[in-house]
PDB file of N, CA and C in Angstrom:
ATOM      1  N   MET A   1      62.673 181.892  12.819  1.00  0.00           N
ATOM      2  CA  MET A   1      62.019 181.686  13.956  1.00  0.00           C
ATOM      3  C   MET A   1      62.719 180.903  15.099  1.00  0.00           C
ATOM      4  N   VAL A   2      63.152 181.183  15.703  1.00  0.00           N
ATOM      5  CA  VAL A   2      63.920 180.319  16.823  1.00  0.00           C
ATOM      6  C   VAL A   2      62.773 179.647  17.947  1.00  0.00           C
ATOM      7  N   SER A   3      62.807 178.217  18.115  1.00  0.00           N
ATOM      8  CA  SER A   3      61.790 177.676  18.891  1.00  0.00           C
ATOM      9  C   SER A   3      62.520 177.206  19.931  1.00  0.00           C
ATOM     10  N   MET A   4      61.971 177.691  20.981  1.00  0.00           N
ATOM     11  CA  MET A   4      62.229 177.041  22.121  1.00  0.00           C
ATOM     12  C   MET A   4      61.739 175.857  23.071  1.00  0.00           C
ATOM     13  N   VAL A   5      62.622 175.190  23.270  1.00  0.00           N
ATOM     14  CA  VAL A   5      62.137 174.061  24.142  1.00  0.00           C
ATOM     15  C   VAL A   5      62.058 174.085  25.491  1.00  0.00           C
ATOM     16  N   TRP A   6      61.102 173.762  26.287  1.00  0.00           N
ATOM     17  CA  TRP A   6      61.035 173.967  27.736  1.00  0.00           C
ATOM     18  C   TRP A   6      61.131 172.700  28.205  1.00  0.00           C
ATOM     19  N   TYR A   7      62.247 172.513  29.103  1.00  0.00           N
ATOM     20  CA  TYR A   7      62.555 171.323  30.026  1.00  0.00           C
ATOM     21  C   TYR A   7      61.834 171.292  31.311  1.00  0.00           C
ATOM     22  N   ARG A   8      61.299 170.123  31.614  1.00  0.00           N
ATOM     23  CA  ARG A   8      60.614 170.041  33.016  1.00  0.00           C
ATOM     24  C   ARG A   8      61.788 169.756  33.785  1.00  0.00           C
ATOM     25  N   LEU A   9      61.393 170.108  35.079  1.00  0.00           N
ATOM     26  CA  LEU A   9      62.396 170.093  36.331  1.00  0.00           C
ATOM     27  C   LEU A   9      62.078 169.026  37.314  1.00  0.00           C
ATOM     28  N   ALA A  10      63.179 168.450  37.680  1.00  0.00           N
ATOM     29  CA  ALA A  10      62.919 167.212  38.738  1.00  0.00           C
ATOM     30  C   ALA A  10      64.106 167.171  39.884  1.00  0.00           C
ATOM     31  N   TYR A  11      63.666 167.376  40.845  1.00  0.00           N
ATOM     32  CA  TYR A  11      64.769 167.369  41.847  1.00  0.00           C
ATOM     33  C   TYR A  11      64.609 165.811  42.663  1.00  0.00           C
ATOM     34  N   ARG A  12      65.929 165.320  42.758  1.00  0.00           N
ATOM     35  CA  ARG A  12      66.088 164.187  43.705  1.00  0.00           C
ATOM     36  C   ARG A  12      65.726 164.564  45.190  1.00  0.00           C
ATOM     37  N   PRO A  13      64.994 163.350  45.729  1.00  0.00           N
ATOM     38  CA  PRO A  13      64.468 163.718  47.180  1.00  0.00           C
ATOM     39  C   PRO A  13      65.576 164.624  48.103  1.00  0.00           C
ATOM     40  N   ALA A  14      66.684 164.131  48.165  1.00  0.00           N
ATOM     41  CA  ALA A  14      67.662 164.518  48.828  1.00  0.00           C
ATOM     42  C   ALA A  14      68.264 166.358  48.635  1.00  0.00           C
ATOM     43  N   VAL A  15      67.924 166.798  47.214  1.00  0.00           N
ATOM     44  CA  VAL A  15      67.861 167.975  47.242  1.00  0.00           C
ATOM     45  C   VAL A  15      67.110 168.903  47.914  1.00  0.00           C
ATOM     46  N   LEU A  16      65.651 168.535  47.955  1.00  0.00           N
ATOM     47  CA  LEU A  16      64.616 169.289  48.589  1.00  0.00           C
ATOM     48  C   LEU A  16      65.088 169.162  50.195  1.00  0.00           C
ATOM     49  N   ASP A  17      65.484 168.165  50.832  1.00  0.00           N
ATOM     50  CA  ASP A  17      66.039 167.716  52.213  1.00  0.00           C
ATOM     51  C   ASP A  17      66.887 168.962  52.322  1.00  0.00           C
ATOM     52  N   ASP A  18      68.107 168.803  51.499  1.00  0.00           N
ATOM     53  CA  ASP A  18      68.975 170.108  52.085  1.00  0.00           C
ATOM     54  C   ASP A  18      68.688 171.215  51.667  1.00  0.00           C
ATOM     55  N   LEU A  19      67.920 171.619  50.775  1.00  0.00           N
ATOM     56  CA  LEU A  19      67.568 173.046  50.633  1.00  0.00           C
ATOM     57  C   LEU A  19      66.635 173.393  51.681  1.00  0.00           C
ATOM     58  N   ALA A  20      66.182 172.437  52.465  1.00  0.00           N
ATOM     59  CA  ALA A  20      65.278 172.933  53.889  1.00  0.00           C
ATOM     60  C   ALA A  20      66.267 173.392  54.886  1.00  0.00           C
ATOM     61  N   LYS A  21      67.505 172.961  54.798  1.00  0.00           N
ATOM     62  CA  LYS A  21      68.171 173.073  55.919  1.00  0.00           C
ATOM     63  C   LYS A  21      69.311 174.621  55.718  1.00  0.00           C
ATOM     64  N   ILE A  22      68.972 175.063  54.393  1.00  0.00           N
ATOM     65  CA  ILE A  22      69.832 176.524  53.911  1.00  0.00           C
ATOM     66  C   ILE A  22      69.016 177.352  54.305  1.00  0.00           C
ATOM     67  N   GLU A  23      69.803 178.885  54.675  1.00  0.00           N
ATOM     68  CA  GLU A  23      69.085 180.108  54.965  1.00  0.00           C
ATOM     69  C   GLU A  23      67.899 180.331  53.909  1.00  0.00           C
ATOM     70  N   LYS A  24      66.912 180.629  53.922  1.00  0.00           N
ATOM     71  CA  LYS A  24      65.566 180.912  53.225  1.00  0.00           C
ATOM     72  C   LYS A  24      65.831 181.405  51.827  1.00  0.00           C
ATOM     73  N   ALA A  25      66.534 182.884  51.989  1.00  0.00           N
ATOM     74  CA  ALA A  25      66.898 183.519  50.786  1.00  0.00           C
ATOM     75  C   ALA A  25      67.501 182.636  49.812  1.00  0.00           C
ATOM     76  N   MET A  26      68.693 182.042  50.358  1.00  0.00           N
ATOM     77  CA  MET A  26      69.968 181.492  49.415  1.00  0.00           C
ATOM     78  C   MET A  26      69.124 180.014  48.941  1.00  0.00           C
ATOM     79  N   ALA A  27      68.194 179.415  49.602  1.00  0.00           N
ATOM     80  CA  ALA A  27      67.621 178.313  49.149  1.00  0.00           C
ATOM     81  C   ALA A  27      66.654 178.878  48.310  1.00  0.00           C
ATOM     82  N   GLN A  28      66.114 180.053  48.034  1.00  0.00           N
ATOM     83  CA  GLN A  28      65.066 180.420  47.150  1.00  0.00           C
ATOM     84  C   GLN A  28      65.761 180.958  45.756  1.00  0.00           C
ATOM     85  N   ARG A  29      67.200 181.635  46.090  1.00  0.00           N
ATOM     86  CA  ARG A  29      67.833 181.907  44.962  1.00  0.00           C
ATOM     87  C   ARG A  29      68.183 180.792  44.179  1.00  0.00           C
ATOM     88  N   LEU A  30      68.743 179.794  44.923  1.00  0.00           N
ATOM     89  CA  LEU A  30      69.003 178.174  44.070  1.00  0.00           C
ATOM     90  C   LEU A  30      67.862 177.688  43.273  1.00  0.00           C
ATOM     91  N   LEU A  31      66.702 177.779  43.958  1.00  0.00           N
ATOM     92  CA  LEU A  31      65.788 177.050  43.398  1.00  0.00           C
ATOM     93  C   LEU A  31      65.366 177.950  42.168  1.00  0.00           C
ATOM     94  N   ASP A  32      65.394 179.256  42.190  1.00  0.00           N
ATOM     95  CA  ASP A  32      65.041 180.158  41.018  1.00  0.00           C
ATOM     96  C   ASP A  32      66.138 179.641  39.875  1.00  0.00           C
ATOM     97  N   LYS A  33      67.368 179.677  40.372  1.00  0.00           N
ATOM     98  CA  LYS A  33      68.562 179.439  39.445  1.00  0.00           C
ATOM     99  C   LYS A  33      68.478 177.900  38.792  1.00  0.00           C
ATOM    100  N   THR A  34      67.528 177.151  39.197  1.00  0.00           N
ATOM    101  CA  THR A  34      67.396 175.824  38.660  1.00  0.00           C
ATOM    102  C   THR A  34      66.296 175.715  37.818  1.00  0.00           C
ATOM    103  N   LYS A  35      65.164 176.774  37.766  1.00  0.00           N
ATOM    104  CA  LYS A  35      64.293 176.816  37.090  1.00  0.00           C
ATOM    105  C   LYS A  35      64.765 177.900  35.934  1.00  0.00           C
ATOM    106  N   TRP A  36      65.843 178.536  36.190  1.00  0.00           N
ATOM    107  CA  TRP A  36      66.702 179.339  35.202  1.00  0.00           C
ATOM    108  C   TRP A  36      67.146 178.407  34.202  1.00  0.00           C
ATOM    109  N   LEU A  37      67.929 177.611  34.825  1.00  0.00           N
ATOM    110  CA  LEU A  37      68.668 176.321  34.167  1.00  0.00           C
ATOM    111  C   LEU A  37      67.779 175.650  33.098  1.00  0.00           C
ATOM    112  N   ALA A  38      66.727 175.183  33.564  1.00  0.00           N
ATOM    113  CA  ALA A  38      65.679 174.585  32.625  1.00  0.00           C
ATOM    114  C   ALA A  38      65.361 175.372  31.718  1.00  0.00           C
ATOM    115  N   SER A  39      65.062 176.630  31.814  1.00  0.00           N
ATOM    116  CA  SER A  39      64.430 177.311  30.676  1.00  0.00           C
ATOM    117  C   SER A  39      65.539 177.894  29.582  1.00  0.00           C
ATOM    118  N   ASN A  40      66.787 177.628  29.875  1.00  0.00           N
ATOM    119  CA  ASN A  40      68.206 177.986  29.159  1.00  0.00           C
ATOM    120  C   ASN A  40      68.591 176.862  28.796  1.00  0.00           C
ATOM    121  N   VAL A  41      68.425 175.539  28.801  1.00  0.00           N
ATOM    122  CA  VAL A  41      68.898 174.244  28.492  1.00  0.00           C
ATOM    123  C   VAL A  41      69.968 174.315  27.337  1.00  0.00           C
ATOM    124  N   GLU A  42      69.136 174.826  26.401  1.00  0.00           N
ATOM    125  CA  GLU A  42      69.706 174.442  24.894  1.00  0.00           C
ATOM    126  C   GLU A  42      70.670 175.866  24.674  1.00  0.00           C
ATOM    127  N   ASN A  43      70.545 176.920  25.508  1.00  0.00           N
ATOM    128  CA  ASN A  43      71.675 178.069  25.410  1.00  0.00           C
ATOM    129  C   ASN A  43      72.919 178.049  25.901  1.00  0.00           C
ATOM    130  N   LEU A  44      73.370 176.892  26.914  1.00  0.00           N
ATOM    131  CA  LEU A  44      74.245 176.747  27.757  1.00  0.00           C
ATOM    132  C   LEU A  44      74.970 175.739  27.178  1.00  0.00           C
ATOM    133  N   ARG A  45      76.291 175.686  27.754  1.00  0.00           N
ATOM    134  CA  ARG A  45      77.287 174.539  27.393  1.00  0.00           C
ATOM    135  C   ARG A  45      77.310 173.807  28.934  1.00  0.00           C
ATOM    136  N   HIS A  46      77.132 172.545  28.653  1.00  0.00           N
ATOM    137  CA  HIS A  46      76.931 171.635  29.768  1.00  0.00           C
ATOM    138  C   HIS A  46      78.210 170.684  29.733  1.00  0.00           C
ATOM    139  N   GLU A  47      79.042 171.251  30.762  1.00  0.00           N
ATOM    140  CA  GLU A  47      80.481 170.314  30.553  1.00  0.00           C
ATOM    141  C   GLU A  47      80.245 169.338  31.747  1.00  0.00           C
ATOM    142  N   PRO A  48      80.672 168.158  31.167  1.00  0.00           N
ATOM    143  CA  PRO A  48      80.800 167.079  32.549  1.00  0.00           C
ATOM    144  C   PRO A  48      81.377 167.378  33.631  1.00  0.00           C
ATOM    145  N   ILE A  49      81.326 166.770  34.588  1.00  0.00           N
ATOM    146  CA  ILE A  49      82.220 167.025  35.869  1.00  0.00           C
ATOM    147  C   ILE A  49      83.550 166.347  35.849  1.00  0.00           C
ATOM    148  N   SER A  50      83.337 165.135  35.166  1.00  0.00           N
ATOM    149  CA  SER A  50      84.258 164.457  35.270  1.00  0.00           C
ATOM    150  C   SER A  50      84.127 163.250  34.283  1.00  0.00           C
ATOM    151  N   ARG A  51      85.283 162.580  33.761  1.00  0.00           N
ATOM    152  CA  ARG A  51      85.107 161.650  32.460  1.00  0.00           C
ATOM    153  C   ARG A  51      84.301 160.347  33.297  1.00  0.00           C
ATOM    154  N   ASP A  52      84.496 160.331  34.435  1.00  0.00           N
ATOM    155  CA  ASP A  52      83.839 158.990  35.177  1.00  0.00           C
ATOM    156  C   ASP A  52      82.269 159.418  35.093  1.00  0.00           C
ATOM    157  N   LEU A  53      81.701 160.473  35.271  1.00  0.00           N
ATOM    158  CA  LEU A  53      80.328 160.883  35.067  1.00  0.00           C
ATOM    159  C   LEU A  53      80.011 161.739  33.919  1.00  0.00           C
ATOM    160  N   PRO A  54      79.910 160.997  32.784  1.00  0.00           N
ATOM    161  CA  PRO A  54      79.789 162.023  31.789  1.00  0.00           C
ATOM    162  C   PRO A  54      78.515 162.669  31.556  1.00  0.00           C
ATOM    163  N   GLY A  55      77.570 162.036  31.838  1.00  0.00           N
ATOM    164  CA  GLY A  55      75.942 162.840  32.260  1.00  0.00           C
ATOM    165  C   GLY A  55      75.867 163.908  32.968  1.00  0.00           C
ATOM    166  N   LEU A  56      76.758 164.227  34.228  1.00  0.00           N
ATOM    167  CA  LEU A  56      76.622 164.948  35.232  1.00  0.00           C
ATOM    168  C   LEU A  56      77.202 166.509  34.993  1.00  0.00           C
ATOM    169  N   SER A  57      76.484 167.244  35.154  1.00  0.00           N
ATOM    170  CA  SER A  57      77.229 168.927  35.065  1.00  0.00           C
ATOM    171  C   SER A  57      77.123 169.536  36.362  1.00  0.00           C
ATOM    172  N   LYS A  58      77.641 170.761  36.364  1.00  0.00           N
ATOM    173  CA  LYS A  58      77.662 171.664  37.651  1.00  0.00           C
ATOM    174  C   LYS A  58      77.289 172.859  36.993  1.00  0.00           C
ATOM    175  N   TYR A  59      76.651 173.698  37.769  1.00  0.00           N
ATOM    176  CA  TYR A  59      76.646 175.023  37.714  1.00  0.00           C
ATOM    177  C   TYR A  59      77.004 175.796  39.023  1.00  0.00           C
ATOM    178  N   ALA A  60      77.631 176.915  38.987  1.00  0.00           N
ATOM    179  CA  ALA A  60      77.859 177.646  40.194  1.00  0.00           C
ATOM    180  C   ALA A  60      76.874 178.898  40.516  1.00  0.00           C
ATOM    181  N   VAL A  61      76.683 178.916  41.688  1.00  0.00           N
ATOM    182  CA  VAL A  61      75.869 179.900  41.917  1.00  0.00           C
ATOM    183  C   VAL A  61      76.728 180.577  43.539  1.00  0.00           C
ATOM    184  N   GLY A  62      77.306 181.663  43.387  1.00  0.00           N
ATOM    185  CA  GLY A  62      78.259 181.800  44.507  1.00  0.00           C
ATOM    186  C   GLY A  62      79.017 180.656  44.898  1.00  0.00           C
ATOM    187  N   GLU A  63      78.728 180.445  46.283  1.00  0.00           N
ATOM    188  CA  GLU A  63      79.584 179.436  46.970  1.00  0.00           C
ATOM    189  C   GLU A  63      78.765 177.849  46.912  1.00  0.00           C
ATOM    190  N   TRP A  64      77.801 178.191  45.891  1.00  0.00           N
ATOM    191  CA  TRP A  64      77.128 176.863  45.871  1.00  0.00           C
ATOM    192  C   TRP A  64      77.262 176.163  44.250  1.00  0.00           C
ATOM    193  N   ARG A  65      77.030 174.797  44.455  1.00  0.00           N
ATOM    194  CA  ARG A  65      77.134 174.125  43.295  1.00  0.00           C
ATOM    195  C   ARG A  65      75.779 173.387  42.801  1.00  0.00           C
ATOM    196  N   ILE A  66      75.199 173.529  41.569  1.00  0.00           N
ATOM    197  CA  ILE A  66      73.950 172.728  41.257  1.00  0.00           C
ATOM    198  C   ILE A  66      74.533 171.504  40.647  1.00  0.00           C
ATOM    199  N   PHE A  67      74.258 170.541  40.879  1.00  0.00           N
ATOM    200  CA  PHE A  67      74.787 169.499  40.030  1.00  0.00           C
ATOM    201  C   PHE A  67      73.630 168.629  39.277  1.00  0.00           C
ATOM    202  N   TYR A  68      73.398 168.264  38.269  1.00  0.00           N
ATOM    203  CA  TYR A  68      72.156 168.093  37.209  1.00  0.00           C
ATOM    204  C   TYR A  68      72.704 167.250  36.316  1.00  0.00           C
ATOM    205  N   SER A  69      71.720 166.578  35.554  1.00  0.00           N
ATOM    206  CA  SER A  69      71.638 165.779  34.146  1.00  0.00           C
ATOM    207  C   SER A  69      70.813 166.331  33.650  1.00  0.00           C
ATOM    208  N   ILE A  70      71.133 166.194  32.134  1.00  0.00           N
ATOM    209  CA  ILE A  70      69.543 166.701  31.236  1.00  0.00           C
ATOM    210  C   ILE A  70      69.462 165.364  30.453  1.00  0.00           C
ATOM    211  N   ASP A  71      68.190 165.160  29.979  1.00  0.00           N
ATOM    212  CA  ASP A  71      67.467 164.074  29.227  1.00  0.00           C
ATOM    213  C   ASP A  71      66.762 164.641  28.280  1.00  0.00           C
ATOM    214  N   GLN A  72      67.758 164.929  27.087  1.00  0.00           N
ATOM    215  CA  GLN A  72      67.157 165.446  25.813  1.00  0.00           C
ATOM    216  C   GLN A  72      65.762 164.721  25.324  1.00  0.00           C
ATOM    217  N   ASN A  73      65.793 163.425  25.358  1.00  0.00           N
ATOM    218  CA  ASN A  73      64.789 162.806  24.826  1.00  0.00           C
ATOM    219  C   ASN A  73      63.407 163.274  25.637  1.00  0.00           C
ATOM    220  N   GLU A  74      63.542 163.213  27.112  1.00  0.00           N
ATOM    221  CA  GLU A  74      62.222 163.455  27.788  1.00  0.00           C
ATOM    222  C   GLU A  74      62.265 165.142  28.006  1.00  0.00           C
ATOM    223  N   HIS A  75      63.184 165.862  27.455  1.00  0.00           N
ATOM    224  CA  HIS A  75      63.211 167.308  27.700  1.00  0.00           C
ATOM    225  C   HIS A  75      63.195 167.484  29.329  1.00  0.00           C
ATOM    226  N   LEU A  76      63.942 167.084  30.135  1.00  0.00           N
ATOM    227  CA  LEU A  76      63.992 166.902  31.527  1.00  0.00           C
ATOM    228  C   LEU A  76      65.533 167.389  32.230  1.00  0.00           C
ATOM    229  N   LEU A  77      65.301 168.324  32.928  1.00  0.00           N
ATOM    230  CA  LEU A  77      66.477 168.589  33.818  1.00  0.00           C
ATOM    231  C   LEU A  77      66.302 168.165  35.252  1.00  0.00           C
ATOM    232  N   ASP A  78      67.284 167.234  35.817  1.00  0.00           N
ATOM    233  CA  ASP A  78      67.138 166.481  37.074  1.00  0.00           C
ATOM    234  C   ASP A  78      68.356 167.073  37.968  1.00  0.00           C
ATOM    235  N   VAL A  79      67.924 167.484  39.017  1.00  0.00           N
ATOM    236  CA  VAL A  79      68.684 168.080  39.667  1.00  0.00           C
ATOM    237  C   VAL A  79      69.031 167.251  40.832  1.00  0.00           C
ATOM    238  N   HIS A  80      70.414 166.659  41.087  1.00  0.00           N
ATOM    239  CA  HIS A  80      70.859 165.429  41.530  1.00  0.00           C
ATOM    240  C   HIS A  80      71.153 165.898  42.963  1.00  0.00           C
ATOM    241  N   MET A  81      71.898 167.140  43.098  1.00  0.00           N
ATOM    242  CA  MET A  81      72.611 167.514  44.398  1.00  0.00           C
ATOM    243  C   MET A  81      72.643 169.102  44.182  1.00  0.00           C
ATOM    244  N   ILE A  82      72.525 170.010  45.412  1.00  0.00           N
ATOM    245  CA  ILE A  82      72.971 171.239  45.655  1.00  0.00           C
ATOM    246  C   ILE A  82      73.636 171.336  46.957  1.00  0.00           C
ATOM    247  N   ALA A  83      75.124 171.568  46.610  1.00  0.00           N
ATOM    248  CA  ALA A  83      76.082 171.779  47.738  1.00  0.00           C
ATOM    249  C   ALA A  83      76.885 172.898  47.881  1.00  0.00           C
ATOM    250  N   ASN A  84      77.060 173.366  49.106  1.00  0.00           N
ATOM    251  CA  ASN A  84      78.358 174.276  48.977  1.00  0.00           C
ATOM    252  C   ASN A  84      79.339 173.906  48.809  1.00  0.00           C
ATOM    253  N   GLN A  85      80.463 174.823  48.156  1.00  0.00           N
ATOM    254  CA  GLN A  85      81.627 174.289  47.678  1.00  0.00           C
ATOM    255  C   GLN A  85      82.692 173.948  48.651  1.00  0.00           C
ATOM    256  N   LYS A  86      82.651 174.426  50.055  1.00  0.00           N
ATOM    257  CA  LYS A  86      83.248 174.379  51.114  1.00  0.00           C
ATOM    258  C   LYS A  86      82.883 172.878  51.573  1.00  0.00           C
ATOM    259  N   GLU A  87      81.749 172.612  51.784  1.00  0.00           N
ATOM    260  CA  GLU A  87      81.518 171.154  51.889  1.00  0.00           C
ATOM    261  C   GLU A  87      81.991 170.162  50.964  1.00  0.00           C
ATOM    262  N   LEU A  88      81.808 170.677  49.714  1.00  0.00           N
ATOM    263  CA  LEU A  88      82.511 169.276  48.944  1.00  0.00           C
ATOM    264  C   LEU A  88      83.975 168.921  49.149  1.00  0.00           C
ATOM    265  N   ARG A  89      84.692 170.017  49.300  1.00  0.00           N
ATOM    266  CA  ARG A  89      85.963 170.122  49.640  1.00  0.00           C
ATOM    267  C   ARG A  89      86.590 169.620  51.034  1.00  0.00           C
ATOM    268  N   ALA A  90      85.551 169.438  51.728  1.00  0.00           N
ATOM    269  CA  ALA A  90      86.039 168.747  53.048  1.00  0.00           C
ATOM    270  C   ALA A  90      85.701 167.545  53.034  1.00  0.00           C
ATOM    271  N   GLY A  91      84.789 167.225  52.267  1.00  0.00           N
ATOM    272  CA  GLY A  91      84.497 165.363  51.785  1.00  0.00           C
ATOM    273  C   GLY A  91      83.716 164.955  53.283  1.00  0.00           C
ATOM    274  N   PRO A  92      83.153 163.662  52.993  1.00  0.00           N
ATOM    275  CA  PRO A  92      82.483 162.910  54.118  1.00  0.00           C
ATOM    276  C   PRO A  92      83.254 162.659  55.463  1.00  0.00           C
TER     277      PRO A  92
END
């Protein structure tokens, strides 16, 4: 029998601020995908986004990227940022 470990989901305050600025249907799709990520942590490969940030992974949802870390001891998926890839390329 396969045991599923459920991960709690946490959002950094800036994530909720950013989602409030996004079109409502897309914001809901992104929120739903974070819930899906949390329920599938053990079934997915989580590759670091860079060697400098070994604990940070990303997941693509269309043009959007969800940046997150996983605390396996606490069973927590921590969402750090959700951003449009065009904004990421443009820089500050």
